[in-house]
Protein backbone atom coordinates (compact mmCIF):
# COMPACT_ATOMS: atom_id res chain seq x y z
CA MET A 1 0.00 0.00 0.00
CA LEU A 2 0.95 3.68 -0.27
CA THR A 3 2.51 4.67 3.06
CA ALA A 4 3.84 8.19 2.40
CA LEU A 5 3.82 10.94 -0.20
CA SER A 6 6.29 13.84 -0.16
CA ILE A 7 5.78 16.78 -2.51
CA ARG A 8 8.20 19.66 -3.07
CA ASP A 9 7.48 22.72 -5.21
CA VAL A 10 4.59 21.37 -7.30
CA VAL A 11 2.32 24.22 -8.49
CA LEU A 12 0.87 25.67 -5.26
CA ILE A 13 2.46 23.13 -2.94
CA GLU A 14 5.77 24.27 -1.50
CA ARG A 15 6.38 21.46 0.96
CA LEU A 16 4.00 18.66 1.90
CA ASP A 17 4.53 15.33 3.66
CA LEU A 18 1.59 12.97 3.97
CA SER A 19 1.25 9.53 5.53
CA PHE A 20 -1.45 7.00 4.67
CA GLY A 21 -2.91 4.00 6.39
CA GLN A 22 -5.01 1.05 5.40
CA GLY A 23 -8.69 1.17 4.57
CA LEU A 24 -10.56 4.14 3.10
CA THR A 25 -8.94 7.59 3.07
CA VAL A 26 -11.09 10.49 1.87
CA LEU A 27 -9.77 13.79 0.51
CA THR A 28 -12.12 16.76 0.58
CA GLY A 29 -11.89 20.48 -0.01
CA GLU A 30 -13.48 23.29 -1.91
CA THR A 31 -13.30 23.39 -5.68
CA GLY A 32 -9.92 24.75 -6.75
CA ALA A 33 -8.25 24.02 -3.41
CA GLY A 34 -5.71 21.73 -5.05
CA LYS A 35 -7.04 18.18 -4.83
CA SER A 36 -6.12 17.61 -8.46
CA ILE A 37 -2.57 18.79 -7.68
CA LEU A 38 -2.26 15.94 -5.20
CA LEU A 39 -3.35 13.40 -7.81
CA ASP A 40 -1.07 14.97 -10.43
CA SER A 41 1.82 14.74 -7.97
CA LEU A 42 1.11 11.10 -7.26
CA GLY A 43 0.84 10.53 -11.00
CA LEU A 44 4.33 11.98 -11.47
CA ALA A 45 5.77 9.47 -9.02
CA LEU A 46 3.93 6.70 -10.88
CA GLY A 47 5.45 7.66 -14.24
CA ALA A 48 2.85 10.03 -15.73
CA ARG A 49 3.91 12.58 -18.32
CA ALA A 50 5.96 15.44 -16.86
CA GLU A 51 5.14 19.06 -17.71
CA SER A 52 7.09 22.18 -16.88
CA GLY A 53 3.85 23.82 -15.68
CA LEU A 54 3.90 21.59 -12.61
CA VAL A 55 7.02 23.31 -11.25
CA ARG A 56 6.16 25.99 -8.71
CA ALA A 57 6.98 29.55 -9.75
CA THR A 58 10.35 30.94 -8.53
CA THR A 59 11.80 27.41 -8.20
CA GLU A 60 13.94 25.40 -10.59
CA GLN A 61 12.52 21.93 -10.06
CA ALA A 62 9.72 19.93 -8.48
CA THR A 63 10.16 16.64 -6.63
CA VAL A 64 7.65 13.96 -5.67
CA THR A 65 8.47 10.85 -3.64
CA ALA A 66 6.01 8.03 -3.01
CA CYS A 67 6.74 5.21 -0.55
CA PHE A 68 5.00 1.85 -0.76
CA SER A 69 4.88 -1.27 1.36
CA PRO A 70 3.73 -4.00 -1.06
CA PRO A 71 2.34 -7.34 0.12
CA ASP A 72 4.63 -10.34 0.33
CA ASP A 73 5.25 -12.10 -3.00
CA HIS A 74 3.70 -9.21 -4.91
CA ALA A 75 4.43 -9.06 -8.65
CA VAL A 76 6.47 -5.88 -8.18
CA SER A 77 9.15 -7.90 -6.35
CA ALA A 78 10.00 -9.87 -9.48
CA VAL A 79 10.31 -6.67 -11.53
CA LEU A 80 12.58 -5.09 -8.92
CA ASP A 81 14.76 -8.21 -8.76
CA GLU A 82 14.96 -8.33 -12.55
CA HIS A 83 16.49 -4.84 -12.62
CA GLY A 84 18.55 -5.08 -9.45
CA LEU A 85 16.33 -2.61 -7.56
CA ALA A 86 15.11 -4.76 -4.69
CA ALA A 87 14.85 -3.26 -1.21
CA GLU A 88 14.10 -4.95 2.09
CA ASP A 89 10.89 -3.37 3.33
CA GLU A 90 9.55 -0.75 0.92
CA VAL A 91 9.51 0.55 -2.63
CA VAL A 92 10.37 4.23 -3.07
CA LEU A 93 9.45 5.97 -6.35
CA ARG A 94 10.85 9.45 -6.93
CA ARG A 95 10.47 11.88 -9.82
CA ILE A 96 12.23 15.21 -10.40
CA VAL A 97 10.89 17.65 -12.99
CA THR A 98 12.81 20.78 -14.02
CA LYS A 99 11.48 24.04 -15.43
CA ASP A 100 12.36 23.04 -18.98
CA GLY A 101 10.04 20.01 -18.71
CA LYS A 102 12.80 17.42 -18.41
CA SER A 103 12.53 14.79 -15.73
CA ARG A 104 14.52 12.15 -13.92
CA ALA A 105 13.13 9.00 -12.33
CA PHE A 106 14.41 6.91 -9.43
CA VAL A 107 13.37 3.62 -7.86
CA ASN A 108 14.86 2.90 -4.44
CA ASP A 109 17.36 5.71 -5.14
CA HIS A 110 18.55 4.08 -8.38
CA PRO A 111 18.10 6.10 -11.60
CA VAL A 112 15.71 4.39 -14.02
CA GLY A 113 13.85 5.15 -17.22
CA VAL A 114 10.36 6.59 -17.03
CA GLY A 115 9.01 3.50 -18.78
CA LEU A 116 10.23 1.23 -15.98
CA LEU A 117 8.91 3.69 -13.37
CA ARG A 118 5.51 3.59 -15.06
CA ARG A 119 5.56 -0.21 -15.17
CA ILE A 120 6.35 -0.47 -11.46
CA GLY A 121 3.80 2.22 -10.59
CA SER A 122 1.05 0.39 -12.47
CA LEU A 123 1.63 -2.65 -10.27
CA LEU A 124 1.23 -0.59 -7.10
CA VAL A 125 -1.55 1.94 -7.78
CA GLU A 126 -4.62 2.03 -9.99
CA VAL A 127 -6.36 5.35 -10.58
CA GLN A 128 -10.08 5.29 -11.38
CA GLY A 129 -11.29 8.63 -12.67
CA GLN A 130 -13.75 9.98 -15.17
CA HIS A 131 -11.11 10.76 -17.75
CA GLU A 132 -8.25 8.36 -17.10
CA GLN A 133 -7.82 5.18 -19.09
CA MET A 134 -9.14 2.71 -16.54
CA SER A 135 -7.79 -0.81 -16.36
CA LEU A 136 -11.27 -2.32 -16.13
CA ALA A 137 -12.13 -0.67 -19.42
CA ASP A 138 -9.18 -2.40 -21.12
CA PRO A 139 -10.40 -5.65 -22.77
CA ALA A 140 -6.92 -7.13 -22.40
CA SER A 141 -7.47 -7.33 -18.64
CA HIS A 142 -10.92 -8.90 -18.70
CA ALA A 143 -9.92 -12.56 -18.94
CA GLY A 144 -7.57 -12.23 -15.98
CA LEU A 145 -10.22 -10.43 -13.92
CA LEU A 146 -12.85 -13.04 -14.69
CA ASP A 147 -10.41 -15.84 -13.84
CA ALA A 148 -9.50 -14.19 -10.55
CA PHE A 149 -13.21 -13.83 -9.74
CA GLY A 150 -14.37 -17.38 -10.23
CA VAL A 151 -12.06 -19.75 -12.14
CA PRO A 152 -10.02 -22.35 -10.20
CA ALA A 153 -6.28 -21.71 -10.48
CA PRO A 154 -5.43 -25.36 -11.40
CA LEU A 155 -7.49 -25.02 -14.57
CA ARG A 156 -5.50 -21.96 -15.62
CA THR A 157 -2.11 -23.47 -14.80
CA GLY A 158 -3.12 -26.70 -16.55
CA VAL A 159 -3.93 -24.81 -19.75
CA ALA A 160 -0.65 -22.87 -19.58
CA GLU A 161 1.33 -26.10 -19.13
CA ALA A 162 -0.55 -27.85 -21.95
CA TRP A 163 0.14 -24.85 -24.18
CA ARG A 164 3.87 -25.02 -23.37
CA LEU A 165 4.04 -28.74 -24.18
CA TRP A 166 2.18 -28.20 -27.48
CA ARG A 167 4.51 -25.34 -28.44
CA ASP A 168 7.56 -27.47 -27.57
CA ALA A 169 6.26 -30.35 -29.71
CA LEU A 170 5.63 -28.00 -32.64
CA ALA A 171 9.11 -26.51 -32.25
CA ARG A 172 10.72 -29.96 -32.36
CA LEU A 173 8.68 -30.82 -35.44
CA ASP A 174 9.70 -27.60 -37.17
CA ARG A 175 13.37 -28.19 -36.38
CA ALA A 176 13.20 -31.73 -37.74
CA ARG A 177 11.47 -30.58 -40.92
CA ASP A 178 14.01 -27.81 -41.41
CA ALA A 179 16.88 -30.23 -40.87
CA ILE A 180 15.51 -32.70 -43.41
CA ALA A 181 14.80 -29.96 -45.93
CA ALA A 182 18.34 -28.66 -45.54
CA ALA A 183 19.74 -32.17 -45.84
CA GLU A 184 17.79 -32.82 -49.03
CA ARG A 185 19.04 -29.58 -50.56
CA ASP A 186 22.64 -30.49 -49.70
CA GLU A 187 22.44 -34.27 -50.12
CA GLN A 188 25.16 -34.56 -52.80
CA TRP A 189 27.49 -32.28 -50.91
CA LEU A 190 26.73 -34.08 -47.66
CA ARG A 191 27.57 -37.46 -49.11
CA HIS A 192 30.86 -36.18 -50.50
CA ALA A 193 31.78 -34.38 -47.26
CA VAL A 194 30.92 -37.37 -45.07
CA GLU A 195 32.87 -39.74 -47.33
CA GLU A 196 35.85 -37.39 -47.38
CA LEU A 197 35.88 -36.88 -43.61
CA ALA A 198 35.22 -40.56 -42.91
CA THR A 199 38.23 -41.45 -45.08
CA LEU A 200 40.31 -38.88 -43.24
CA ALA A 201 38.95 -40.24 -39.90
CA PRO A 202 40.00 -37.33 -37.68
CA ARG A 203 40.52 -38.19 -34.04
CA ILE A 204 40.13 -36.06 -30.95
CA GLY A 205 43.48 -34.54 -29.94
CA GLU A 206 45.19 -35.78 -33.09
CA GLU A 207 46.46 -32.40 -34.25
CA GLU A 208 48.32 -31.77 -31.02
CA SER A 209 49.95 -35.22 -30.97
CA LEU A 210 50.93 -34.93 -34.65
CA ALA A 211 52.46 -31.52 -34.07
CA ARG A 212 54.55 -32.90 -31.19
CA GLU A 213 55.66 -35.91 -33.25
CA ARG A 214 56.58 -33.69 -36.18
CA GLN A 215 58.64 -31.45 -33.95
CA ARG A 216 60.46 -34.48 -32.48
CA LEU A 217 61.26 -35.95 -35.90
CA GLN A 218 62.45 -32.57 -37.19
CA GLN A 219 64.75 -32.21 -34.20
CA ASN A 220 66.14 -35.73 -34.75
CA GLU A 221 66.72 -34.97 -38.40
CA ARG A 222 68.58 -31.77 -37.62
CA ARG A 223 70.68 -33.64 -35.03
CA ALA A 224 71.56 -36.38 -37.54
CA GLU A 225 72.50 -33.80 -40.16
CA ALA A 226 74.87 -32.09 -37.71
CA ILE A 227 76.52 -35.41 -36.77
CA ALA A 228 76.92 -36.37 -40.42
CA ALA A 229 78.46 -33.01 -41.26
CA SER A 230 80.91 -33.36 -38.39
CA LEU A 231 81.84 -36.89 -39.46
CA ALA A 232 82.32 -35.74 -43.04
CA GLU A 233 84.87 -33.22 -41.87
CA ILE A 234 87.12 -35.89 -40.32
CA THR A 235 86.76 -38.62 -42.95
CA PRO A 236 88.16 -38.51 -46.52
CA ARG A 237 85.71 -37.17 -49.01
CA ASP A 238 87.71 -38.31 -52.13
CA ARG A 239 91.10 -39.68 -53.09
CA ARG A 240 92.69 -36.31 -53.61
CA ASN A 241 91.77 -35.30 -50.10
CA ALA A 242 93.01 -38.01 -47.75
CA GLY A 243 91.44 -36.34 -44.72
CA PRO A 244 92.90 -35.25 -41.37
CA ALA A 245 93.98 -38.78 -40.34
CA ALA A 246 96.19 -39.18 -43.38
CA ALA A 247 97.56 -35.70 -42.83
CA LEU A 248 98.52 -36.61 -39.26
CA ARG A 249 100.31 -39.76 -40.47
CA ALA A 250 102.17 -37.83 -43.14
CA ALA A 251 103.28 -35.26 -40.60
CA ALA A 252 104.55 -38.06 -38.33
CA ARG A 253 106.62 -39.61 -41.16
CA SER A 254 108.21 -36.30 -41.90
CA LEU A 255 109.22 -35.82 -38.29
CA GLN A 256 110.61 -39.34 -38.07
CA ARG A 257 113.18 -38.41 -40.74
CA LEU A 258 114.66 -35.98 -38.25
CA ALA A 259 115.98 -38.86 -36.11
CA PRO A 260 119.90 -38.45 -35.56
CA GLN A 261 122.45 -40.98 -37.03
CA GLY A 262 125.45 -42.57 -35.34
CA GLN A 263 126.64 -41.16 -32.03
CA ALA A 264 123.92 -38.57 -31.97
CA GLU A 265 121.29 -41.31 -31.94
CA ALA A 266 121.82 -41.82 -28.28
CA ALA A 267 120.78 -38.25 -27.69
CA GLY A 268 117.25 -39.11 -28.96
CA ASN A 269 115.00 -37.53 -31.52
CA PRO A 270 114.32 -33.89 -30.70
CA ALA A 271 110.96 -34.18 -32.45
CA GLU A 272 109.82 -36.99 -30.17
CA PRO A 273 107.33 -34.85 -28.21
CA ALA A 274 105.74 -33.66 -31.42
CA LEU A 275 105.54 -37.20 -32.69
CA ALA A 276 103.86 -38.28 -29.48
CA ALA A 277 101.36 -35.47 -29.79
CA LEU A 278 100.63 -36.42 -33.41
CA GLU A 279 100.08 -40.02 -32.32
CA ARG A 280 97.64 -38.92 -29.60
CA ALA A 281 95.82 -36.68 -32.07
CA GLU A 282 95.50 -39.57 -34.51
CA GLU A 283 94.10 -41.79 -31.77
CA ALA A 284 91.63 -39.06 -30.66
CA LEU A 285 90.55 -38.52 -34.23
CA ALA A 286 89.95 -42.23 -34.66
CA GLU A 287 87.94 -42.29 -31.41
CA ALA A 288 85.84 -39.28 -32.52
CA GLU A 289 85.16 -41.01 -35.83
CA THR A 290 84.06 -44.13 -34.00
CA LEU A 291 81.77 -42.14 -31.66
CA LEU A 292 80.22 -40.14 -34.48
CA THR A 293 79.66 -43.29 -36.51
CA ARG A 294 77.92 -44.83 -33.49
CA LEU A 295 75.71 -41.72 -33.05
CA ILE A 296 74.72 -41.89 -36.70
CA ALA A 297 73.78 -45.54 -36.26
CA ASP A 298 71.77 -44.81 -33.10
CA ALA A 299 69.93 -41.75 -34.49
CA ASP A 300 66.12 -42.28 -34.90
CA VAL A 301 65.92 -40.74 -38.32
CA ASP A 302 63.33 -41.98 -40.77
CA PRO A 303 62.52 -39.38 -43.46
CA ARG A 304 59.41 -41.33 -44.40
CA LEU A 305 57.99 -41.03 -40.86
CA LEU A 306 58.43 -37.26 -40.93
CA GLU A 307 56.88 -37.07 -44.37
CA GLN A 308 53.88 -39.16 -43.24
CA SER A 309 53.34 -37.05 -40.10
CA GLU A 310 53.45 -33.83 -42.08
CA GLU A 311 51.13 -35.18 -44.75
CA ARG A 312 48.60 -36.21 -42.09
CA LEU A 313 48.84 -32.91 -40.21
CA PHE A 314 48.53 -30.84 -43.39
CA ALA A 315 45.55 -32.97 -44.55
CA LEU A 316 43.73 -32.33 -41.26
CA ARG A 317 44.39 -28.59 -41.43
CA ALA A 318 43.29 -28.41 -45.06
CA ALA A 319 40.02 -30.18 -44.20
CA ALA A 320 39.44 -27.79 -41.29
CA ARG A 321 39.98 -24.77 -43.54
CA LYS A 322 37.66 -26.22 -46.14
CA HIS A 323 34.82 -26.61 -43.67
CA GLY A 324 35.55 -23.44 -41.71
CA VAL A 325 36.20 -25.12 -38.37
CA ALA A 326 39.15 -25.75 -36.09
CA VAL A 327 40.98 -29.09 -36.46
CA PRO A 328 39.78 -30.33 -33.03
CA ASP A 329 36.18 -29.79 -34.23
CA LEU A 330 36.50 -32.12 -37.22
CA PRO A 331 35.30 -35.27 -35.37
CA ALA A 332 32.19 -33.45 -34.15
CA LEU A 333 31.59 -32.04 -37.64
CA LEU A 334 31.77 -35.55 -39.08
CA ASP A 335 29.19 -36.74 -36.53
CA THR A 336 26.88 -33.79 -37.34
CA LEU A 337 27.08 -34.24 -41.10
CA ALA A 338 26.62 -38.00 -40.76
CA ALA A 339 23.53 -37.41 -38.60
CA ARG A 340 22.09 -35.03 -41.22
CA LEU A 341 22.72 -37.60 -43.90
CA ALA A 342 21.18 -40.34 -41.78
CA ALA A 343 18.13 -38.13 -41.26
CA LEU A 344 17.38 -38.46 -44.95
CA GLU A 345 16.92 -42.17 -44.46
CA THR A 346 15.10 -42.07 -41.11
CA GLY A 347 13.50 -38.64 -41.53
CA ALA A 348 10.09 -39.80 -42.70
CA ALA A 349 9.61 -42.00 -39.64
CA GLU A 350 10.88 -39.28 -37.28
CA ILE A 351 8.59 -36.68 -38.83
CA ALA A 352 5.62 -39.01 -38.45
CA THR A 353 6.46 -39.54 -34.78
CA LEU A 354 6.83 -35.82 -34.13
CA GLU A 355 3.62 -35.03 -36.00
CA GLN A 356 1.75 -37.50 -33.83
CA ALA A 357 3.29 -35.94 -30.70
CA ALA A 358 2.16 -32.51 -31.89
CA ARG A 359 -1.38 -33.79 -32.47
CA ASP A 360 -1.49 -35.44 -29.06
CA THR A 361 -0.28 -32.32 -27.21
CA LYS A 362 -2.71 -30.16 -29.15
CA ASP A 363 -5.57 -32.47 -28.18
CA ARG A 364 -4.54 -32.22 -24.54
CA TYR A 365 -4.37 -28.43 -24.81
CA VAL A 366 -7.80 -28.22 -26.45
CA ALA A 367 -9.28 -30.46 -23.75
CA ALA A 368 -7.78 -28.34 -20.95
CA ALA A 369 -8.77 -25.08 -22.66
CA THR A 370 -12.31 -26.37 -23.23
CA ALA A 371 -12.65 -27.11 -19.52
CA LEU A 372 -11.34 -23.61 -18.81
CA SER A 373 -13.88 -22.13 -21.23
CA ALA A 374 -16.70 -23.92 -19.44
CA ALA A 375 -15.49 -22.65 -16.07
CA ARG A 376 -15.26 -19.13 -17.47
CA ALA A 377 -18.79 -19.31 -18.83
CA THR A 378 -20.03 -20.32 -15.37
CA ALA A 379 -17.97 -17.57 -13.71
CA ALA A 380 -19.25 -15.03 -16.25
CA GLY A 381 -22.82 -15.76 -15.29
CA LYS A 382 -22.02 -15.33 -11.61
CA LEU A 383 -20.12 -12.11 -12.31
CA GLN A 384 -23.03 -10.67 -14.28
CA LYS A 385 -25.40 -11.35 -11.40
CA ALA A 386 -23.00 -10.00 -8.78
CA VAL A 387 -22.32 -6.77 -10.69
CA GLY A 388 -26.02 -6.46 -11.59
CA LYS A 389 -26.94 -6.40 -7.88
CA GLU A 390 -24.57 -3.49 -7.31
CA LEU A 391 -25.91 -1.28 -10.12
CA PRO A 392 -29.36 -0.12 -8.90
CA PRO A 393 -28.13 1.51 -5.68
CA LEU A 394 -25.59 3.42 -7.78
CA ARG A 395 -28.34 4.97 -9.95
CA LEU A 396 -27.57 2.51 -12.72
CA ASP A 397 -30.80 0.54 -12.33
CA LYS A 398 -31.47 0.61 -16.07
CA ALA A 399 -27.97 -0.54 -16.95
CA ARG A 400 -27.18 -4.12 -17.84
CA PHE A 401 -23.71 -5.58 -17.44
CA PHE A 402 -22.51 -8.50 -19.55
CA ALA A 403 -19.44 -10.72 -19.23
CA GLU A 404 -19.08 -12.27 -22.66
CA VAL A 405 -16.93 -15.37 -23.23
CA GLY A 406 -16.35 -16.15 -26.90
CA GLY A 407 -14.01 -18.35 -28.88
CA MET A 408 -10.98 -17.11 -30.78
CA PRO A 409 -9.40 -18.39 -34.01
CA GLU A 410 -6.62 -20.90 -33.50
CA ALA A 411 -3.99 -18.34 -34.45
CA ALA A 412 -4.99 -16.31 -31.38
CA TRP A 413 -4.90 -19.20 -28.90
CA GLY A 414 -2.36 -18.90 -26.14
CA PRO A 415 -1.39 -19.97 -22.61
CA GLY A 416 -4.51 -18.21 -21.35
CA GLY A 417 -6.81 -20.44 -23.38
CA MET A 418 -9.00 -20.15 -26.45
CA ASP A 419 -11.39 -17.48 -25.16
CA GLN A 420 -11.94 -13.81 -25.73
CA VAL A 421 -13.46 -12.29 -22.61
CA ARG A 422 -15.18 -8.91 -22.87
CA PHE A 423 -17.06 -6.83 -20.34
CA LEU A 424 -19.95 -4.98 -22.02
CA ILE A 425 -22.55 -2.50 -20.80
CA ALA A 426 -25.92 -1.28 -21.99
CA THR A 427 -26.95 1.79 -19.98
CA ASN A 428 -30.48 2.15 -21.39
CA PRO A 429 -33.26 -0.30 -22.29
CA GLY A 430 -33.12 -1.41 -25.92
CA GLN A 431 -29.50 -0.35 -26.27
CA GLU A 432 -27.06 -2.86 -27.71
CA PRO A 433 -24.28 -3.78 -25.27
CA GLY A 434 -20.96 -2.18 -26.07
CA PRO A 435 -17.47 -1.66 -24.64
CA LEU A 436 -17.45 -0.03 -21.22
CA ALA A 437 -15.49 3.09 -22.12
CA ARG A 438 -17.48 3.69 -25.30
CA VAL A 439 -21.04 3.29 -24.05
CA ALA A 440 -21.06 4.77 -20.54
CA SER A 441 -20.68 8.46 -19.72
CA GLY A 442 -17.96 9.64 -17.37
CA GLY A 443 -20.08 9.50 -14.22
CA GLU A 444 -21.76 6.25 -15.22
CA LEU A 445 -18.42 4.69 -16.02
CA SER A 446 -16.96 5.71 -12.66
CA ARG A 447 -19.88 4.18 -10.77
CA LEU A 448 -19.81 1.08 -12.95
CA MET A 449 -16.12 0.69 -12.20
CA LEU A 450 -16.89 1.01 -8.51
CA ALA A 451 -19.56 -1.70 -8.74
CA MET A 452 -17.11 -3.99 -10.52
CA LYS A 453 -14.37 -3.22 -8.01
CA VAL A 454 -16.70 -4.22 -5.20
CA VAL A 455 -17.18 -7.59 -6.85
CA LEU A 456 -13.63 -8.07 -8.16
CA SER A 457 -11.55 -6.49 -5.41
CA ALA A 458 -10.73 -9.85 -3.82
CA GLY A 459 -8.79 -10.80 -6.94
CA SER A 460 -7.11 -7.44 -7.46
CA ALA A 461 -3.34 -7.59 -7.90
CA VAL A 462 -2.99 -3.83 -7.28
CA PRO A 463 -2.96 -3.04 -3.54
CA THR A 464 -3.93 0.67 -3.79
CA LEU A 465 -6.93 2.16 -5.61
CA VAL A 466 -7.50 5.88 -6.16
CA PHE A 467 -10.99 7.13 -7.09
CA ASP A 468 -11.23 10.67 -8.41
CA GLU A 469 -14.70 12.10 -7.83
CA VAL A 470 -16.46 8.79 -8.36
CA ASP A 471 -19.53 10.47 -6.79
CA SER A 472 -19.65 13.33 -9.30
CA GLY A 473 -23.20 14.46 -10.13
CA ILE A 474 -24.96 12.31 -7.55
CA GLY A 475 -26.21 12.81 -4.03
CA GLY A 476 -28.54 11.48 -1.37
CA ALA A 477 -29.06 7.74 -1.32
CA THR A 478 -26.85 7.20 -4.38
CA ALA A 479 -23.92 8.96 -2.72
CA ALA A 480 -24.52 6.90 0.41
CA ALA A 481 -24.45 3.75 -1.71
CA VAL A 482 -21.16 4.87 -3.26
CA GLY A 483 -19.70 5.40 0.21
CA GLU A 484 -20.88 2.01 1.38
CA ARG A 485 -19.26 0.29 -1.59
CA LEU A 486 -16.02 2.17 -1.18
CA VAL A 487 -15.88 0.87 2.38
CA ARG A 488 -16.45 -2.67 1.14
CA VAL A 489 -13.63 -2.36 -1.40
CA ALA A 490 -11.39 -0.91 1.31
CA GLU A 491 -11.85 -4.03 3.42
CA GLY A 492 -9.28 -5.79 1.23
CA LEU A 493 -7.44 -2.92 -0.44
CA GLN A 494 -6.16 0.54 0.38
CA VAL A 495 -8.57 3.06 -1.15
CA LEU A 496 -8.07 6.82 -1.60
CA VAL A 497 -11.05 8.82 -2.85
CA VAL A 498 -11.35 12.49 -3.81
CA THR A 499 -14.93 13.43 -3.03
CA HIS A 500 -17.38 16.33 -2.76
CA SER A 501 -20.01 14.13 -1.15
CA PRO A 502 -20.49 14.33 2.64
CA GLN A 503 -22.02 10.85 2.58
CA VAL A 504 -18.79 9.47 1.12
CA ALA A 505 -16.53 11.62 3.29
CA ALA A 506 -18.25 10.38 6.45
CA ARG A 507 -17.34 6.75 5.62
CA GLY A 508 -13.58 7.30 5.55
CA ALA A 509 -11.28 5.71 8.10
CA SER A 510 -9.00 8.71 7.59
CA HIS A 511 -9.91 12.19 6.41
CA LEU A 512 -7.60 14.67 4.64
CA ARG A 513 -8.73 18.24 3.96
CA VAL A 514 -7.16 20.16 1.09
CA ALA A 515 -7.23 23.93 1.44
CA LYS A 516 -5.81 26.95 -0.35
CA SER A 517 -4.61 30.02 1.51
CA ALA A 518 -3.08 33.35 0.50
CA ALA A 519 -0.49 35.29 2.49
CA ARG A 520 2.01 37.97 1.50
CA ASP A 521 0.87 37.84 -2.12
CA ARG A 522 1.53 34.12 -2.24
CA THR A 523 -1.03 31.33 -2.62
CA ALA A 524 -0.33 27.89 -1.20
CA THR A 525 -2.13 24.58 -0.95
CA THR A 526 -2.07 22.74 2.37
CA VAL A 527 -3.36 19.36 3.48
CA ASP A 528 -4.40 18.51 7.03
CA HIS A 529 -5.22 15.22 8.72
CA LEU A 530 -8.52 16.00 10.43
CA ALA A 531 -9.17 15.15 14.03
CA PRO A 532 -12.77 14.14 14.92
CA ASP A 533 -13.95 17.68 15.73
CA ALA A 534 -12.39 19.19 12.61
CA ARG A 535 -13.80 16.38 10.55
CA ARG A 536 -17.26 17.10 11.86
CA GLU A 537 -16.87 20.75 10.81
CA GLU A 538 -15.66 19.78 7.35
CA ILE A 539 -18.60 17.46 6.71
CA ALA A 540 -20.98 20.14 8.02
CA ARG A 541 -19.41 22.59 5.57
CA MET A 542 -19.95 20.10 2.76
CA LEU A 543 -23.59 19.82 3.80
CA ALA A 544 -24.41 23.49 4.39
CA GLY A 545 -21.90 25.50 2.41
CA GLU A 546 -20.06 28.56 3.72
CA THR A 547 -22.40 29.18 6.67
CA ILE A 548 -22.24 26.22 9.01
CA THR A 549 -25.32 25.88 11.20
CA GLU A 550 -26.01 23.71 14.19
CA SER A 551 -28.42 21.67 12.11
CA ALA A 552 -25.59 21.04 9.62
CA ARG A 553 -23.38 19.88 12.49
CA ALA A 554 -26.16 17.61 13.71
CA ALA A 555 -26.53 16.18 10.21
CA ALA A 556 -22.76 15.63 10.09
CA ASP A 557 -22.99 13.75 13.38
CA ASP A 558 -25.70 11.55 11.90
CA LEU A 559 -23.52 10.76 8.88
CA LEU A 560 -20.50 9.99 11.03
CA ARG A 561 -22.61 7.63 13.12
CA GLY A 562 -23.80 5.94 9.97
CA GLN A 563 -27.32 7.34 10.25
CA LYS A 564 -29.28 9.11 7.56
CA PRO A 565 -29.53 12.87 8.27
CA PRO A 566 -32.69 14.89 7.63
CA GLN A 567 -33.61 14.94 3.93
CA GLY A 568 -33.20 18.70 3.69
CA MET A 569 -29.53 18.48 4.65
CA LEU A 570 -28.55 16.03 1.90
CA VAL A 571 -26.66 17.53 -1.01
């Protein structure tokens, strides 16, 4: 419900803070006092169109803040959660309008678009006036209202579930048909692609293992080439080049010729150290040759293996490029294409199975929706009678209300069933029933809406209702009947009503008086919560006018006690 309304600098209101309770709250005041300003201010907070004319003169902006305490599990909670705006205990809507007509909107102190503010506001407050677009006059809401009035919830949920299953079956059928149609168009290409990929037989993880194997073989090949080159340097390449070993032996022979003859022989060969070094070098060279020859023999070099690995790797990558996928996705692609090709062979049987499933789910939906239609027809009859009983006391005794339940074409069926529900009214005998907003006048429509709210309030999803002069143009017993029905609606909902009728004002659980005062060349609108004595005076004023008499006060007492005052005091 609406718990508080704060208004700053809106037209004649400089600063106003109001609190609201449950039940029926009445707002009274003389014509022009500013009651409409209050409703316009509330409308701003609910997302109504902003106008620069609402900003009070000499100020730059107007601000309206409305605080709500919605019931547990109310629909507004899901909307707030969806947009990350949830709060623990209350919902705070705020609107700022500047002199240039621009506005900003906030929900729980988070900036939002006006569209979202309007959506949230519509879940919290419903305004019923003579000129507003009323929700009850919107045919789109009629099925839900009728269901809430007298249709068991399991019937509605059963239809919604049957609808979902039917839609799912149709979706599967459509996908299967599309897949088969696509496969038939591409059959030749599919067969070639499947054959090509099946021959290639790609395996999961194969590219990575092939790349590692290729790198290993390339490294082995480079190692073998280096060993071979080193061995070639120390072994003879042709007869003209005997190689380093032969050169070492030739050098040793030359040094041996330096050996001394005769007596000098005992002194030794001065080249002996060099000869020894040449001998060691020759031995080392022979050992190196042996080691290198052994390395060549042990090297794991098979040019054919490297060639095969590269051919396989390049074939996989070429196939991936051809089909526009990564190499690791080739096995899955083969499975997908093979399934599409297989669908050509098994498609007819699959389609037949899916078509039967679609027919079965449709039959179940039609059966559930037919049961819902029957329940709605029964509820419509009860609703007509219930609303019809409320019309005569509201000076609508000649009016006839109809709740019409009709079928819709299959294309319009949905999770809500197969019915079109319309609320119609004929205000005069012999008149053809027509849409509520088109047939009834402003006052008639307001009272009709009140009668329907009395009947439908138990199923209302909106916790706060605002009635703007629902008693316009009536008085006496009719006004008393309006007041009585407002009280009945307020038993389950919070109701705010702007009224000029003392009979209605006397029924309020809380009474707000709107007044306009002038001081220092400035006019301001004020709102006061009336204590019992002040309330008595206000109702007496509404009965008697400017001059309040004791008889008017006595009549006010009668109204406040729920008694009918003297006929001459009724206005």
